[in-house]
C-alpha atoms as a PDB file:
ATOM      1  CA  MET A   1      -3.624   6.233  -5.290  1.00  0.00           C
ATOM      2  CA  ILE A   2      -3.091   4.794  -1.800  1.00  0.00           C
ATOM      3  CA  LEU A   3      -0.986   7.800  -0.857  1.00  0.00           C
ATOM      4  CA  ILE A   4      -3.750  10.290  -1.732  1.00  0.00           C
ATOM      5  CA  ILE A   5      -6.414   8.544   0.384  1.00  0.00           C
ATOM      6  CA  PRO A   6      -5.605  10.882   3.338  1.00  0.00           C
ATOM      7  CA  MET A   7      -6.152  13.813   0.956  1.00  0.00           C
ATOM      8  CA  LEU A   8      -9.612  12.466   0.054  1.00  0.00           C
ATOM      9  CA  LYS A   9     -10.452  12.080   3.750  1.00  0.00           C
ATOM     10  CA  VAL A  10      -9.430  15.683   4.473  1.00  0.00           C
ATOM     11  CA  LEU A  11     -11.437  17.068   1.542  1.00  0.00           C
ATOM     12  CA  SER A  12     -14.516  14.998   2.378  1.00  0.00           C
ATOM     13  CA  ARG A  13     -14.448  16.199   5.976  1.00  0.00           C
ATOM     14  CA  ARG A  14     -13.758  19.767   4.902  1.00  0.00           C
ATOM     15  CA  TYR A  15     -16.624  20.059   2.407  1.00  0.00           C
ATOM     16  CA  GLY A  16     -19.081  17.737   4.135  1.00  0.00           C
ATOM     17  CA  GLN A  17     -19.555  15.172   1.389  1.00  0.00           C
ATOM     18  CA  PRO A  18     -17.617  12.432  -0.421  1.00  0.00           C
ATOM     19  CA  CYS A  19     -15.244  13.463  -3.183  1.00  0.00           C
ATOM     20  CA  GLU A  20     -15.965  12.850  -6.840  1.00  0.00           C
ATOM     21  CA  VAL A  21     -12.793  11.163  -8.085  1.00  0.00           C
ATOM     22  CA  ILE A  22     -11.442  11.053 -11.628  1.00  0.00           C
ATOM     23  CA  SER A  23      -8.751   8.412 -11.992  1.00  0.00           C
ATOM     24  CA  SER A  24      -7.141   6.106 -14.516  1.00  0.00           C
ATOM     25  CA  GLY A  25      -6.379   2.409 -14.162  1.00  0.00           C
ATOM     26  CA  ALA A  26      -9.157  -0.145 -13.692  1.00  0.00           C
ATOM     27  CA  TRP A  27      -7.607  -1.350 -10.406  1.00  0.00           C
ATOM     28  CA  THR A  28      -8.467   2.008  -8.767  1.00  0.00           C
ATOM     29  CA  GLU A  29     -12.184   1.210  -8.755  1.00  0.00           C
ATOM     30  CA  PRO A  30     -12.155  -1.696  -6.239  1.00  0.00           C
ATOM     31  CA  LEU A  31      -9.795   0.313  -4.030  1.00  0.00           C
ATOM     32  CA  LEU A  32     -11.906   3.494  -4.017  1.00  0.00           C
ATOM     33  CA  GLN A  33     -15.070   1.475  -3.371  1.00  0.00           C
ATOM     34  CA  ARG A  34     -13.535   0.865   0.053  1.00  0.00           C
ATOM     35  CA  VAL A  35     -12.781   4.523   0.787  1.00  0.00           C
ATOM     36  CA  PRO A  36     -15.947   6.203   2.151  1.00  0.00           C
ATOM     37  CA  ALA A  37     -14.408   9.615   1.424  1.00  0.00           C
ATOM     38  CA  ALA A  38     -14.591   8.748  -2.286  1.00  0.00           C
ATOM     39  CA  GLY A  39     -18.062   9.102  -3.760  1.00  0.00           C
ATOM     40  CA  ARG A  40     -18.796   9.051  -7.483  1.00  0.00           C
ATOM     41  CA  ARG A  41     -15.877   7.767  -9.515  1.00  0.00           C
ATOM     42  CA  LEU A  42     -15.065   8.390 -13.172  1.00  0.00           C
ATOM     43  CA  LEU A  43     -12.449   6.338 -14.960  1.00  0.00           C
ATOM     44  CA  LEU A  44     -10.258   7.599 -17.788  1.00  0.00           C
ATOM     45  CA  THR A  45      -9.061   4.715 -19.919  1.00  0.00           C
ATOM     46  CA  SER A  46      -6.237   6.967 -21.150  1.00  0.00           C
ATOM     47  CA  ARG A  47      -5.107  10.507 -20.429  1.00  0.00           C
ATOM     48  CA  ARG A  48      -2.590  10.647 -23.269  1.00  0.00           C
ATOM     49  CA  ALA A  49      -4.781   9.468 -26.128  1.00  0.00           C
ATOM     50  CA  PRO A  50      -6.102  12.141 -28.534  1.00  0.00           C
ATOM     51  CA  TYR A  51      -9.399  13.524 -27.248  1.00  0.00           C
ATOM     52  CA  TRP A  52     -11.552  12.538 -30.226  1.00  0.00           C
ATOM     53  CA  PHE A  53     -10.216   8.982 -30.149  1.00  0.00           C
ATOM     54  CA  ASN A  54     -10.983   8.407 -26.458  1.00  0.00           C
ATOM     55  CA  ARG A  55     -14.577   8.007 -25.366  1.00  0.00           C
ATOM     56  CA  SER A  56     -13.842   8.271 -21.638  1.00  0.00           C
ATOM     57  CA  GLN A  57     -12.338  11.760 -22.080  1.00  0.00           C
ATOM     58  CA  ARG A  58     -15.415  12.950 -23.984  1.00  0.00           C
ATOM     59  CA  GLN A  59     -17.702  11.469 -21.307  1.00  0.00           C
ATOM     60  CA  LEU A  60     -15.732  13.265 -18.619  1.00  0.00           C
ATOM     61  CA  VAL A  61     -16.035  16.609 -20.403  1.00  0.00           C
ATOM     62  CA  ALA A  62     -19.793  16.121 -20.848  1.00  0.00           C
ATOM     63  CA  TRP A  63     -20.138  15.357 -17.127  1.00  0.00           C
ATOM     64  CA  LEU A  64     -18.050  18.393 -16.159  1.00  0.00           C
ATOM     65  CA  ARG A  65     -20.271  20.684 -18.229  1.00  0.00           C
ATOM     66  CA  GLN A  66     -23.321  19.496 -16.268  1.00  0.00           C
ATOM     67  CA  ARG A  67     -21.644  19.580 -12.877  1.00  0.00           C
ATOM     68  CA  PRO A  68     -22.464  22.579 -10.638  1.00  0.00           C
ATOM     69  CA  ALA A  69     -19.551  24.896  -9.886  1.00  0.00           C
ATOM     70  CA  GLY A  70     -17.459  23.640  -6.993  1.00  0.00           C
ATOM     71  CA  PRO A  71     -13.887  23.070  -5.807  1.00  0.00           C
ATOM     72  CA  VAL A  72     -11.597  20.930  -7.964  1.00  0.00           C
ATOM     73  CA  TYR A  73      -8.253  19.526  -6.760  1.00  0.00           C
ATOM     74  CA  VAL A  74      -5.736  18.305  -9.335  1.00  0.00           C
ATOM     75  CA  PHE A  75      -3.078  15.941  -8.049  1.00  0.00           C
ATOM     76  CA  GLU A  76      -1.405  15.480 -11.422  1.00  0.00           C
ATOM     77  CA  PRO A  77       1.272  17.730 -12.928  1.00  0.00           C
ATOM     78  CA  ASP A  78       0.521  17.154 -16.626  1.00  0.00           C
ATOM     79  CA  LYS A  79      -1.225  19.684 -18.845  1.00  0.00           C
ATOM     80  CA  LYS A  80      -3.870  17.312 -20.210  1.00  0.00           C
ATOM     81  CA  CYS A  81      -5.818  17.337 -16.932  1.00  0.00           C
ATOM     82  CA  HIS A  82      -6.168  21.109 -17.057  1.00  0.00           C
ATOM     83  CA  TRP A  83      -7.020  20.982 -20.751  1.00  0.00           C
ATOM     84  CA  LEU A  84      -9.896  18.588 -20.003  1.00  0.00           C
ATOM     85  CA  LEU A  85     -11.121  20.763 -17.122  1.00  0.00           C
ATOM     86  CA  GLN A  86     -11.059  23.838 -19.334  1.00  0.00           C
ATOM     87  CA  ARG A  87     -12.938  22.037 -22.089  1.00  0.00           C
ATOM     88  CA  GLY A  88     -15.479  20.958 -19.481  1.00  0.00           C
ATOM     89  CA  GLY A  89     -16.104  24.562 -18.469  1.00  0.00           C
ATOM     90  CA  VAL A  90     -14.379  24.505 -15.073  1.00  0.00           C
ATOM     91  CA  LYS A  91     -13.187  28.013 -14.233  1.00  0.00           C
ATOM     92  CA  PRO A  92      -9.626  28.481 -12.882  1.00  0.00           C
ATOM     93  CA  ALA A  93     -11.062  30.173  -9.762  1.00  0.00           C
ATOM     94  CA  TRP A  94     -12.364  26.771  -8.612  1.00  0.00           C
ATOM     95  CA  ILE A  95      -9.107  24.849  -9.100  1.00  0.00           C
ATOM     96  CA  CYS A  96      -6.306  23.988  -6.681  1.00  0.00           C
ATOM     97  CA  SER A  97      -3.512  22.268  -8.565  1.00  0.00           C
ATOM     98  CA  LEU A  98      -0.083  20.785  -8.005  1.00  0.00           C
ATOM     99  CA  ARG A  99       1.294  22.980 -10.753  1.00  0.00           C
ATOM    100  CA  ASP A 100       0.596  25.964  -8.479  1.00  0.00           C
ATOM    101  CA  LEU A 101       1.960  24.213  -5.380  1.00  0.00           C
ATOM    102  CA  PRO A 102       5.525  23.034  -6.089  1.00  0.00           C
ATOM    103  CA  ARG A 103       6.924  20.206  -4.044  1.00  0.00           C
ATOM    104  CA  GLN A 104       9.223  21.308  -1.244  1.00  0.00           C
ATOM    105  CA  PRO A 105      12.733  19.831  -0.944  1.00  0.00           C
ATOM    106  CA  GLY A 106      12.521  16.377   0.634  1.00  0.00           C
ATOM    107  CA  GLU A 107       8.706  16.483   0.830  1.00  0.00           C
ATOM    108  CA  HIS A 108       6.972  13.105   0.869  1.00  0.00           C
ATOM    109  CA  ILE A 109       4.294  12.621  -1.772  1.00  0.00           C
ATOM    110  CA  MET A 110       1.590  12.079   0.896  1.00  0.00           C
ATOM    111  CA  THR A 111       2.581  15.282   2.685  1.00  0.00           C
ATOM    112  CA  HIS A 112       2.416  17.116  -0.633  1.00  0.00           C
ATOM    113  CA  ALA A 113      -1.105  15.781  -1.257  1.00  0.00           C
ATOM    114  CA  LEU A 114      -2.266  16.855   2.209  1.00  0.00           C
ATOM    115  CA  ARG A 115      -0.808  20.302   1.670  1.00  0.00           C
ATOM    116  CA  LEU A 116      -2.832  20.579  -1.532  1.00  0.00           C
ATOM    117  CA  ALA A 117      -5.997  19.485   0.316  1.00  0.00           C
ATOM    118  CA  ARG A 118      -5.499  22.377   2.738  1.00  0.00           C
ATOM    119  CA  GLU A 119      -5.440  24.929  -0.085  1.00  0.00           C
ATOM    120  CA  THR A 120      -8.616  26.906  -0.831  1.00  0.00           C
ATOM    121  CA  PRO A 121      -9.785  27.698  -4.385  1.00  0.00           C
ATOM    122  CA  PRO A 122      -9.815  31.460  -5.125  1.00  0.00           C
ATOM    123  CA  ALA A 123     -13.622  31.371  -5.539  1.00  0.00           C
ATOM    124  CA  LEU A 124     -14.032  30.307  -1.883  1.00  0.00           C
ATOM    125  CA  ARG A 125     -11.304  32.283  -0.148  1.00  0.00           C
ATOM    126  CA  GLY A 126     -12.535  34.347   2.752  1.00  0.00           C
ATOM    127  CA  LEU A 127     -15.783  32.436   3.129  1.00  0.00           C
ATOM    128  CA  PRO A 128     -16.545  30.899   6.567  1.00  0.00           C
ATOM    129  CA  GLY A 129     -17.023  27.218   7.271  1.00  0.00           C
ATOM    130  CA  ILE A 130     -14.526  25.642   4.876  1.00  0.00           C
ATOM    131  CA  GLY A 131     -11.352  25.796   6.913  1.00  0.00           C
ATOM    132  CA  VAL A 132      -9.187  22.766   7.659  1.00  0.00           C
ATOM    133  CA  ASP A 133      -9.157  21.136  11.097  1.00  0.00           C
ATOM    134  CA  PRO A 134      -5.417  21.082  11.921  1.00  0.00           C
ATOM    135  CA  SER A 135      -5.932  18.280  14.459  1.00  0.00           C
ATOM    136  CA  PHE A 136      -7.321  15.901  11.814  1.00  0.00           C
ATOM    137  CA  SER A 137      -4.518  13.600  10.599  1.00  0.00           C
ATOM    138  CA  PRO A 138      -6.110  10.752   8.625  1.00  0.00           C
ATOM    139  CA  ASP A 139      -4.301   7.606   7.562  1.00  0.00           C
ATOM    140  CA  ALA A 140      -4.347   5.904   4.157  1.00  0.00           C
ATOM    141  CA  ARG A 141      -6.188   2.781   5.306  1.00  0.00           C
ATOM    142  CA  PRO A 142      -9.250   1.779   3.262  1.00  0.00           C
ATOM    143  CA  SER A 143     -12.331   0.299   4.942  1.00  0.00           C
ATOM    144  CA  LEU A 144     -12.499  -3.386   4.094  1.00  0.00           C
ATOM    145  CA  MET A 145     -15.862  -5.106   3.840  1.00  0.00           C
ATOM    146  CA  GLU A 146     -16.589  -8.241   5.820  1.00  0.00           C
ATOM    147  CA  GLU A 147     -17.057 -10.084   2.529  1.00  0.00           C
ATOM    148  CA  ASP A 148     -13.456  -9.167   1.624  1.00  0.00           C
ATOM    149  CA  ARG A 149     -12.173 -10.824   4.776  1.00  0.00           C
ATOM    150  CA  ARG A 150     -14.446 -13.838   4.321  1.00  0.00           C
ATOM    151  CA  ASP A 151     -13.316 -14.285   0.720  1.00  0.00           C
ATOM    152  CA  CYS A 152      -9.675 -14.170   1.814  1.00  0.00           C
ATOM    153  CA  ARG A 153     -10.186 -16.704   4.607  1.00  0.00           C
ATOM    154  CA  GLU A 154     -12.002 -19.084   2.254  1.00  0.00           C
ATOM    155  CA  TRP A 155      -9.274 -18.777  -0.378  1.00  0.00           C
ATOM    156  CA  LEU A 156      -6.554 -19.460   2.193  1.00  0.00           C
ATOM    157  CA  ALA A 157      -8.457 -22.514   3.421  1.00  0.00           C
ATOM    158  CA  GLN A 158      -8.752 -23.809  -0.154  1.00  0.00           C
ATOM    159  CA  GLN A 159      -4.974 -23.473  -0.534  1.00  0.00           C
ATOM    160  CA  GLY A 160      -4.322 -25.278   2.753  1.00  0.00           C
ATOM    161  CA  LEU A 161      -2.862 -22.095   4.266  1.00  0.00           C
ATOM    162  CA  ALA A 162      -5.297 -21.397   7.101  1.00  0.00           C
ATOM    163  CA  GLY A 163      -3.441 -20.739  10.340  1.00  0.00           C
ATOM    164  CA  ALA A 164       0.081 -20.687   8.883  1.00  0.00           C
ATOM    165  CA  PRO A 165       2.297 -17.584   9.236  1.00  0.00           C
ATOM    166  CA  LEU A 166       2.108 -16.005   5.766  1.00  0.00           C
ATOM    167  CA  VAL A 167       5.167 -14.182   4.451  1.00  0.00           C
ATOM    168  CA  LEU A 168       4.372 -12.248   1.278  1.00  0.00           C
ATOM    169  CA  VAL A 169       6.973 -11.486  -1.387  1.00  0.00           C
ATOM    170  CA  GLN A 170       6.350  -8.825  -4.042  1.00  0.00           C
ATOM    171  CA  PRO A 171       9.241  -8.918  -6.534  1.00  0.00           C
ATOM    172  CA  GLY A 172       7.600  -7.177  -9.505  1.00  0.00           C
ATOM    173  CA  ASN A 173       6.469  -3.680 -10.402  1.00  0.00           C
ATOM    174  CA  LYS A 174       4.744  -2.084 -13.374  1.00  0.00           C
ATOM    175  CA  LYS A 175       7.960  -2.123 -15.432  1.00  0.00           C
ATOM    176  CA  THR A 176       8.243  -5.869 -14.861  1.00  0.00           C
ATOM    177  CA  MET A 177       4.926  -6.359 -16.648  1.00  0.00           C
ATOM    178  CA  ARG A 178       6.191  -4.741 -19.849  1.00  0.00           C
ATOM    179  CA  ARG A 179       7.708  -6.699 -22.678  1.00  0.00           C
ATOM    180  CA  GLY A 180      11.433  -7.142 -22.891  1.00  0.00           C
ATOM    181  CA  ALA A 181      14.223  -8.654 -20.834  1.00  0.00           C
ATOM    182  CA  ARG A 182      13.777  -8.323 -17.087  1.00  0.00           C
ATOM    183  CA  ARG A 183      17.377  -7.198 -16.697  1.00  0.00           C
ATOM    184  CA  ARG A 184      16.991  -4.257 -19.107  1.00  0.00           C
ATOM    185  CA  GLY A 185      18.331  -0.916 -17.903  1.00  0.00           C
ATOM    186  CA  SER A 186      14.907   0.749 -17.698  1.00  0.00           C
ATOM    187  CA  ASN A 187      13.692  -1.822 -15.143  1.00  0.00           C
ATOM    188  CA  ILE A 188      15.522  -0.120 -12.281  1.00  0.00           C
ATOM    189  CA  LYS A 189      13.638  -2.099  -9.616  1.00  0.00           C
ATOM    190  CA  TYR A 190      14.757  -5.459 -10.965  1.00  0.00           C
ATOM    191  CA  TRP A 191      16.456  -7.715  -8.417  1.00  0.00           C
ATOM    192  CA  PRO A 192      17.781 -11.074  -9.652  1.00  0.00           C
ATOM    193  CA  GLU A 193      15.556 -14.106  -9.286  1.00  0.00           C
ATOM    194  CA  GLU A 194      18.323 -15.999  -7.507  1.00  0.00           C
ATOM    195  CA  ASN A 195      18.482 -13.254  -4.859  1.00  0.00           C
ATOM    196  CA  TRP A 196      14.757 -13.534  -4.213  1.00  0.00           C
ATOM    197  CA  GLY A 197      15.171 -17.303  -4.054  1.00  0.00           C
ATOM    198  CA  ARG A 198      17.869 -17.008  -1.390  1.00  0.00           C
ATOM    199  CA  VAL A 199      15.691 -14.652   0.651  1.00  0.00           C
ATOM    200  CA  ILE A 200      12.752 -17.074   0.512  1.00  0.00           C
ATOM    201  CA  ALA A 201      14.997 -19.969   1.500  1.00  0.00           C
ATOM    202  CA  GLY A 202      16.248 -17.913   4.454  1.00  0.00           C
ATOM    203  CA  VAL A 203      12.694 -17.065   5.538  1.00  0.00           C
ATOM    204  CA  ARG A 204      11.689 -20.728   5.423  1.00  0.00           C
ATOM    205  CA  GLN A 205      14.786 -21.719   7.401  1.00  0.00           C
ATOM    206  CA  ASP A 206      14.143 -19.095  10.094  1.00  0.00           C
ATOM    207  CA  LEU A 207      10.407 -19.747  10.217  1.00  0.00           C
ATOM    208  CA  PRO A 208       9.756 -23.368   9.127  1.00  0.00           C
ATOM    209  CA  ALA A 209       6.033 -23.137   9.910  1.00  0.00           C
ATOM    210  CA  SER A 210       5.632 -20.261   7.478  1.00  0.00           C
ATOM    211  CA  ARG A 211       4.251 -20.323   3.965  1.00  0.00           C
ATOM    212  CA  VAL A 212       5.621 -17.880   1.402  1.00  0.00           C
ATOM    213  CA  LEU A 213       3.239 -16.340  -1.129  1.00  0.00           C
ATOM    214  CA  ILE A 214       4.800 -14.701  -4.187  1.00  0.00           C
ATOM    215  CA  CYS A 215       2.437 -11.867  -5.076  1.00  0.00           C
ATOM    216  CA  GLY A 216       1.887  -9.793  -8.181  1.00  0.00           C
ATOM    217  CA  SER A 217      -0.347  -9.553 -11.226  1.00  0.00           C
ATOM    218  CA  PRO A 218      -1.001 -12.357 -13.729  1.00  0.00           C
ATOM    219  CA  ALA A 219       1.590 -10.743 -16.013  1.00  0.00           C
ATOM    220  CA  GLU A 220       4.218 -11.499 -13.345  1.00  0.00           C
ATOM    221  CA  ARG A 221       3.455 -15.219 -13.160  1.00  0.00           C
ATOM    222  CA  ALA A 222       6.599 -16.281 -15.056  1.00  0.00           C
ATOM    223  CA  LEU A 223       8.811 -14.138 -12.816  1.00  0.00           C
ATOM    224  CA  ALA A 224       7.204 -15.622  -9.700  1.00  0.00           C
ATOM    225  CA  ALA A 225       7.609 -19.186 -11.010  1.00  0.00           C
ATOM    226  CA  ASP A 226      11.307 -18.590 -11.715  1.00  0.00           C
ATOM    227  CA  ILE A 227      11.804 -17.227  -8.205  1.00  0.00           C
ATOM    228  CA  ARG A 228      10.073 -20.231  -6.656  1.00  0.00           C
ATOM    229  CA  ARG A 229      12.415 -22.562  -8.561  1.00  0.00           C
ATOM    230  CA  HIS A 230      15.445 -20.600  -7.358  1.00  0.00           C
ATOM    231  CA  SER A 231      14.252 -20.843  -3.746  1.00  0.00           C
ATOM    232  CA  GLY A 232      14.508 -24.634  -3.764  1.00  0.00           C
ATOM    233  CA  SER A 233      11.952 -24.607  -0.954  1.00  0.00           C
ATOM    234  CA  ASP A 234       8.623 -26.237  -0.406  1.00  0.00           C
ATOM    235  CA  GLY A 235       5.832 -24.221   1.174  1.00  0.00           C
ATOM    236  CA  VAL A 236       6.090 -21.538  -1.556  1.00  0.00           C
ATOM    237  CA  LEU A 237       2.959 -20.575  -3.503  1.00  0.00           C
ATOM    238  CA  VAL A 238       2.773 -18.477  -6.689  1.00  0.00           C
ATOM    239  CA  ALA A 239      -0.315 -16.345  -6.043  1.00  0.00           C
ATOM    240  CA  THR A 240      -0.132 -13.961  -9.000  1.00  0.00           C
ATOM    241  CA  ASP A 241      -3.421 -15.174 -10.513  1.00  0.00           C
ATOM    242  CA  ASN A 242      -5.402 -15.055  -7.288  1.00  0.00           C
ATOM    243  CA  LEU A 243      -4.983 -11.619  -5.727  1.00  0.00           C
ATOM    244  CA  PRO A 244      -7.623  -9.126  -6.810  1.00  0.00           C
ATOM    245  CA  ILE A 245      -7.354  -5.830  -4.940  1.00  0.00           C
ATOM    246  CA  PRO A 246      -9.905  -6.588  -2.147  1.00  0.00           C
ATOM    247  CA  ARG A 247      -8.355  -9.988  -1.398  1.00  0.00           C
ATOM    248  CA  LEU A 248      -4.851  -8.522  -1.417  1.00  0.00           C
ATOM    249  CA  PHE A 249      -5.773  -5.928   1.220  1.00  0.00           C
ATOM    250  CA  ALA A 250      -7.497  -8.550   3.366  1.00  0.00           C
ATOM    251  CA  LEU A 251      -4.452 -10.803   3.014  1.00  0.00           C
ATOM    252  CA  LEU A 252      -2.141  -7.979   4.098  1.00  0.00           C
ATOM    253  CA  GLU A 253      -4.264  -7.527   7.202  1.00  0.00           C
ATOM    254  CA  LEU A 254      -3.597 -11.189   8.121  1.00  0.00           C
ATOM    255  CA  ALA A 255      -0.035 -11.630   6.896  1.00  0.00           C
ATOM    256  CA  HIS A 256       2.958 -12.242   9.131  1.00  0.00           C
ATOM    257  CA  SER A 257       5.147  -9.866   7.055  1.00  0.00           C
ATOM    258  CA  MET A 258       6.008  -8.723   3.547  1.00  0.00           C
ATOM    259  CA  ILE A 259       9.227  -8.228   1.565  1.00  0.00           C
ATOM    260  CA  SER A 260       8.783  -6.082  -1.531  1.00  0.00           C
ATOM    261  CA  VAL A 261      10.288  -3.732  -4.054  1.00  0.00           C
ATOM    262  CA  ASP A 262       9.017  -0.160  -3.961  1.00  0.00           C
ATOM    263  CA  THR A 263       5.606  -0.588  -5.593  1.00  0.00           C
ATOM    264  CA  GLY A 264       1.879  -0.308  -4.867  1.00  0.00           C
ATOM    265  CA  PRO A 265       1.440  -3.496  -2.800  1.00  0.00           C
ATOM    266  CA  ALA A 266       4.229  -2.328  -0.479  1.00  0.00           C
ATOM    267  CA  HIS A 267       2.273   0.861   0.239  1.00  0.00           C
ATOM    268  CA  ALA A 268      -0.834  -1.272   0.746  1.00  0.00           C
ATOM    269  CA  ALA A 269       1.054  -3.435   3.260  1.00  0.00           C
ATOM    270  CA  ALA A 270       2.215  -0.404   5.213  1.00  0.00           C
ATOM    271  CA  THR A 271      -1.245   1.088   5.474  1.00  0.00           C
ATOM    272  CA  MET A 272      -2.728  -2.265   6.557  1.00  0.00           C
ATOM    273  CA  GLY A 273      -0.164  -2.568   9.370  1.00  0.00           C
ATOM    274  CA  CYS A 274       1.766  -5.496   7.902  1.00  0.00           C
ATOM    275  CA  PRO A 275       5.461  -5.603   8.994  1.00  0.00           C
ATOM    276  CA  LEU A 276       7.311  -4.615   5.851  1.00  0.00           C
ATOM    277  CA  VAL A 277      10.731  -4.576   4.224  1.00  0.00           C
ATOM    278  CA  VAL A 278      11.075  -2.481   1.051  1.00  0.00           C
ATOM    279  CA  LEU A 279      13.935  -2.562  -1.440  1.00  0.00           C
ATOM    280  CA  PHE A 280      14.575   0.810  -3.054  1.00  0.00           C
ATOM    281  CA  ALA A 281      16.351   1.540  -6.311  1.00  0.00           C
ATOM    282  CA  ARG A 282      17.597   4.926  -7.536  1.00  0.00           C
ATOM    283  CA  ILE A 283      14.764   6.828  -5.863  1.00  0.00           C
ATOM    284  CA  ASP A 284      15.008   8.826  -2.657  1.00  0.00           C
ATOM    285  CA  PRO A 285      13.003   6.901  -0.022  1.00  0.00           C
ATOM    286  CA  GLN A 286      12.364  10.175   1.772  1.00  0.00           C
ATOM    287  CA  LEU A 287      10.032  11.135  -1.097  1.00  0.00           C
ATOM    288  CA  TYR A 288       8.148   7.865  -1.664  1.00  0.00           C
ATOM    289  CA  ALA A 289       8.607   5.518   1.303  1.00  0.00           C
ATOM    290  CA  PRO A 290       5.501   3.577   2.376  1.00  0.00           C
ATOM    291  CA  THR A 291       3.838   5.195   5.381  1.00  0.00           C
ATOM    292  CA  ALA A 292       2.791   2.755   8.082  1.00  0.00           C
ATOM    293  CA  THR A 293      -0.351   2.996  10.186  1.00  0.00           C
ATOM    294  CA  SER A 294       0.873   0.551  12.837  1.00  0.00           C
ATOM    295  CA  GLY A 295       3.309  -2.147  11.658  1.00  0.00           C
ATOM    296  CA  PRO A 296       7.060  -1.467  11.343  1.00  0.00           C
ATOM    297  CA  VAL A 297       8.684  -0.604   8.000  1.00  0.00           C
ATOM    298  CA  ARG A 298      12.348  -1.139   7.204  1.00  0.00           C
ATOM    299  CA  LEU A 299      13.878   0.367   4.039  1.00  0.00           C
ATOM    300  CA  VAL A 300      16.798  -1.290   2.250  1.00  0.00           C
ATOM    301  CA  THR A 301      18.688   1.022  -0.075  1.00  0.00           C
ATOM    302  CA  PRO A 302      21.545   0.291  -2.491  1.00  0.00           C
ATOM    303  CA  ASP A 303      25.118   1.267  -1.827  1.00  0.00           C
ATOM    304  CA  PRO A 304      25.585   4.457  -3.933  1.00  0.00           C
ATOM    305  CA  ALA A 305      29.272   3.626  -4.342  1.00  0.00           C
ATOM    306  CA  LEU A 306      28.465   0.306  -6.057  1.00  0.00           C
ATOM    307  CA  SER A 307      26.777  -0.225  -9.436  1.00  0.00           C
ATOM    308  CA  GLU A 308      25.681   3.427  -9.572  1.00  0.00           C
ATOM    309  CA  GLY A 309      23.270   2.834  -6.728  1.00  0.00           C
ATOM    310  CA  SER A 310      21.323   0.064  -8.470  1.00  0.00           C
ATOM    311  CA  MET A 311      19.551  -2.680  -6.557  1.00  0.00           C
ATOM    312  CA  SER A 312      22.180  -5.183  -7.677  1.00  0.00           C
ATOM    313  CA  SER A 313      24.353  -3.902  -4.818  1.00  0.00           C
ATOM    314  CA  ILE A 314      21.787  -5.122  -2.241  1.00  0.00           C
ATOM    315  CA  SER A 315      22.597  -8.594  -0.923  1.00  0.00           C
ATOM    316  CA  PRO A 316      20.044 -11.231   0.128  1.00  0.00           C
ATOM    317  CA  GLU A 317      21.714 -11.317   3.550  1.00  0.00           C
ATOM    318  CA  THR A 318      21.003  -7.594   3.986  1.00  0.00           C
ATOM    319  CA  VAL A 319      17.341  -8.096   3.122  1.00  0.00           C
ATOM    320  CA  LEU A 320      17.021 -11.047   5.499  1.00  0.00           C
ATOM    321  CA  ALA A 321      18.606  -9.017   8.290  1.00  0.00           C
ATOM    322  CA  ALA A 322      16.090  -6.220   7.671  1.00  0.00           C
ATOM    323  CA  TRP A 323      13.223  -8.739   7.699  1.00  0.00           C
ATOM    324  CA  ARG A 324      14.363 -10.148  11.042  1.00  0.00           C
ATOM    325  CA  ALA A 325      14.597  -6.606  12.410  1.00  0.00           C
ATOM    326  CA  VAL A 326      10.908  -5.811  11.732  1.00  0.00           C
ATOM    327  CA  LEU A 327       9.669  -8.911  13.545  1.00  0.00           C
ATOM    328  CA  PRO A 328       8.708  -8.976  17.230  1.00  0.00           C
ATOM    329  CA  ALA A 329      11.431 -10.257  19.513  1.00  0.00           C
END
């Protein structure tokens, strides 16, 4: 969702009004509230559920049937999106879709989204006034509210963290939140707790005044607590229960740096200008790397000759070296 914010900004500028956004995942709402290019928002509780068993899908179709004809951009490859649009009476001549715009070799997902935003639906081709300004290159940064920043400052003060250099660690991802052993083969972004502990210990040794916040969702609390124990360091806070989306973005704006696996908060850090180190698994960073607005980003990738390119081949020393490299001299 962060990576398509530039697409929303291009479309809003192009058509002269905020975009109506259909998304899934409750966390998208507080993010899109802070993107002026996003207007009305509709939330699907599930795209895969059978239509008659999912109220949000039926509500979407009812809304589509009442909506005046206009351009529709589909940044999802699955068939269900088009099925819902068809059921809602949206004609193909109004649709620009990823399925008609294949990804180019080595193309970053944000670049792909912007290329889609520059397409014109067949119903509007040849009409004046809807072209794309080639000089407009928006970033993915949301517009924080002052209350977001105030809430973050107050929370930091309550934790005794005001004024300390804050190093954020994001060890989990959506697969971590699922049931089952953390070391299971499907959790390709898993990095051992003892490795994270050694990295945190190294950060605290290099920067004794710092405080380390282990980030994530409430479902990642146990993982964060295990990592804190492995660090053997004081000055480490498990913050998994205290980082709603607005506070997280405000925290990233203040933070000294972040070390993360390839997941949403890493992209948030990059767009908020937080110096960032990202550990990648068996995914080409060229396609999904966080895109920075100002702060430096350093990618750490596994050795393809070891462990079939899994993250287990990345050493804590390598991550610490990358973290030192993104910091000002």
